[in-house]
């Protein structure tokens, strides 16, 4: 939790077990690695995540502005960056 006006960074990095099934996106979310550089919301800070999912595809590549997804043989790596806030 971030307290308004606080300069304290709530985390440097953490590994989180997710273990959820998304029927809409047809994927199983396994784990998520989250890290922060600087203080998100300031010009030099951001928070980011890298998650590992199981998805029913052989090969897929998708790149957007702050989002990249790579799938090989059913394992998907998803990297996402946030410049305006914290990822939990």
C-alpha atoms as a PDB file:
ATOM      1  CA  UNK A   1       0.000   0.000   0.000  1.00  0.00           C
ATOM      2  CA  UNK A   2       1.284   3.457  -0.880  1.00  0.00           C
ATOM      3  CA  UNK A   3       0.416   6.363   1.392  1.00  0.00           C
ATOM      4  CA  UNK A   4      -0.347   9.613  -0.467  1.00  0.00           C
ATOM      5  CA  UNK A   5       2.609  11.975  -0.406  1.00  0.00           C
ATOM      6  CA  UNK A   6       4.999   9.263   0.725  1.00  0.00           C
ATOM      7  CA  UNK A   7       8.437   8.999  -0.889  1.00  0.00           C
ATOM      8  CA  UNK A   8       8.825   5.429   0.373  1.00  0.00           C
ATOM      9  CA  UNK A   9       8.975   2.725  -2.296  1.00  0.00           C
ATOM     10  CA  UNK A  10       6.694  -0.150  -1.173  1.00  0.00           C
ATOM     11  CA  UNK A  11       8.848  -2.783  -2.916  1.00  0.00           C
ATOM     12  CA  UNK A  12      11.938  -3.304  -5.057  1.00  0.00           C
ATOM     13  CA  UNK A  13      10.692  -6.634  -6.431  1.00  0.00           C
ATOM     14  CA  UNK A  14       8.556  -9.586  -5.420  1.00  0.00           C
ATOM     15  CA  UNK A  15       7.455 -12.954  -6.796  1.00  0.00           C
ATOM     16  CA  UNK A  16       3.773 -13.764  -6.484  1.00  0.00           C
ATOM     17  CA  UNK A  17       1.936 -17.054  -7.081  1.00  0.00           C
ATOM     18  CA  UNK A  18      -1.244 -16.235  -9.027  1.00  0.00           C
ATOM     19  CA  UNK A  19      -2.664 -19.639  -9.996  1.00  0.00           C
ATOM     20  CA  UNK A  20      -5.913 -18.485 -11.636  1.00  0.00           C
ATOM     21  CA  UNK A  21      -7.904 -19.634 -14.652  1.00  0.00           C
ATOM     22  CA  UNK A  22      -9.239 -17.008 -17.043  1.00  0.00           C
ATOM     23  CA  UNK A  23     -11.940 -18.554 -19.198  1.00  0.00           C
ATOM     24  CA  UNK A  24     -12.428 -15.324 -21.159  1.00  0.00           C
ATOM     25  CA  UNK A  25      -8.764 -15.071 -22.159  1.00  0.00           C
ATOM     26  CA  UNK A  26      -8.363 -18.880 -22.270  1.00  0.00           C
ATOM     27  CA  UNK A  27      -5.239 -18.945 -20.111  1.00  0.00           C
ATOM     28  CA  UNK A  28      -3.964 -20.154 -16.768  1.00  0.00           C
ATOM     29  CA  UNK A  29      -1.907 -17.575 -14.894  1.00  0.00           C
ATOM     30  CA  UNK A  30       0.898 -19.173 -12.900  1.00  0.00           C
ATOM     31  CA  UNK A  31       3.398 -16.694 -11.387  1.00  0.00           C
ATOM     32  CA  UNK A  32       4.170 -12.995 -11.587  1.00  0.00           C
ATOM     33  CA  UNK A  33       7.482 -11.207 -10.958  1.00  0.00           C
ATOM     34  CA  UNK A  34       6.973  -7.511 -10.152  1.00  0.00           C
ATOM     35  CA  UNK A  35       9.662  -4.846  -9.749  1.00  0.00           C
ATOM     36  CA  UNK A  36       9.981  -1.073  -9.513  1.00  0.00           C
ATOM     37  CA  UNK A  37      12.656   1.395 -10.567  1.00  0.00           C
ATOM     38  CA  UNK A  38      12.638   4.745  -8.862  1.00  0.00           C
ATOM     39  CA  UNK A  39       9.177   5.992  -7.848  1.00  0.00           C
ATOM     40  CA  UNK A  40       6.373   5.336 -10.360  1.00  0.00           C
ATOM     41  CA  UNK A  41       4.561   8.508 -11.324  1.00  0.00           C
ATOM     42  CA  UNK A  42       7.790  10.532 -11.480  1.00  0.00           C
ATOM     43  CA  UNK A  43       9.742  11.065 -14.718  1.00  0.00           C
ATOM     44  CA  UNK A  44      12.480   8.553 -13.796  1.00  0.00           C
ATOM     45  CA  UNK A  45      10.333   5.807 -12.229  1.00  0.00           C
ATOM     46  CA  UNK A  46       8.197   2.910 -13.367  1.00  0.00           C
ATOM     47  CA  UNK A  47       6.867  -0.426 -12.174  1.00  0.00           C
ATOM     48  CA  UNK A  48       6.871  -3.555 -14.328  1.00  0.00           C
ATOM     49  CA  UNK A  49       5.780  -7.172 -14.279  1.00  0.00           C
ATOM     50  CA  UNK A  50       6.762 -10.381 -16.007  1.00  0.00           C
ATOM     51  CA  UNK A  51       4.199 -13.159 -15.790  1.00  0.00           C
ATOM     52  CA  UNK A  52       4.205 -16.804 -16.844  1.00  0.00           C
ATOM     53  CA  UNK A  53       0.978 -18.233 -18.262  1.00  0.00           C
ATOM     54  CA  UNK A  54      -0.245 -21.411 -19.962  1.00  0.00           C
ATOM     55  CA  UNK A  55      -2.201 -20.646 -23.138  1.00  0.00           C
ATOM     56  CA  UNK A  56      -3.508 -22.921 -25.947  1.00  0.00           C
ATOM     57  CA  UNK A  57      -1.209 -21.670 -28.735  1.00  0.00           C
ATOM     58  CA  UNK A  58       1.980 -22.976 -30.296  1.00  0.00           C
ATOM     59  CA  UNK A  59       3.645 -19.687 -31.277  1.00  0.00           C
ATOM     60  CA  UNK A  60       2.495 -16.084 -30.811  1.00  0.00           C
ATOM     61  CA  UNK A  61       4.166 -12.664 -30.703  1.00  0.00           C
ATOM     62  CA  UNK A  62       2.289  -9.512 -29.732  1.00  0.00           C
ATOM     63  CA  UNK A  63       3.874  -6.132 -29.070  1.00  0.00           C
ATOM     64  CA  UNK A  64       2.085  -2.969 -27.961  1.00  0.00           C
ATOM     65  CA  UNK A  65       3.291   0.299 -26.479  1.00  0.00           C
ATOM     66  CA  UNK A  66       3.858  -0.893 -22.882  1.00  0.00           C
ATOM     67  CA  UNK A  67       3.058  -4.576 -23.344  1.00  0.00           C
ATOM     68  CA  UNK A  68       4.851  -7.568 -24.915  1.00  0.00           C
ATOM     69  CA  UNK A  69       3.624 -11.187 -25.093  1.00  0.00           C
ATOM     70  CA  UNK A  70       5.675 -14.118 -26.392  1.00  0.00           C
ATOM     71  CA  UNK A  71       4.207 -17.638 -26.568  1.00  0.00           C
ATOM     72  CA  UNK A  72       6.194 -20.789 -27.376  1.00  0.00           C
ATOM     73  CA  UNK A  73       4.645 -24.254 -27.115  1.00  0.00           C
ATOM     74  CA  UNK A  74       1.859 -23.129 -24.781  1.00  0.00           C
ATOM     75  CA  UNK A  75       3.990 -21.101 -22.323  1.00  0.00           C
ATOM     76  CA  UNK A  76       3.431 -17.367 -22.506  1.00  0.00           C
ATOM     77  CA  UNK A  77       5.741 -14.683 -21.092  1.00  0.00           C
ATOM     78  CA  UNK A  78       3.959 -11.375 -20.633  1.00  0.00           C
ATOM     79  CA  UNK A  79       5.903  -8.201 -19.783  1.00  0.00           C
ATOM     80  CA  UNK A  80       4.043  -5.036 -18.894  1.00  0.00           C
ATOM     81  CA  UNK A  81       5.302  -1.613 -17.792  1.00  0.00           C
ATOM     82  CA  UNK A  82       3.401   1.084 -15.845  1.00  0.00           C
ATOM     83  CA  UNK A  83       4.717   4.622 -15.557  1.00  0.00           C
ATOM     84  CA  UNK A  84       1.804   6.136 -13.628  1.00  0.00           C
ATOM     85  CA  UNK A  85       1.365   3.762 -10.699  1.00  0.00           C
ATOM     86  CA  UNK A  86       2.236   0.583  -8.848  1.00  0.00           C
ATOM     87  CA  UNK A  87       1.533  -2.940 -10.042  1.00  0.00           C
ATOM     88  CA  UNK A  88       0.323  -5.275  -7.296  1.00  0.00           C
END
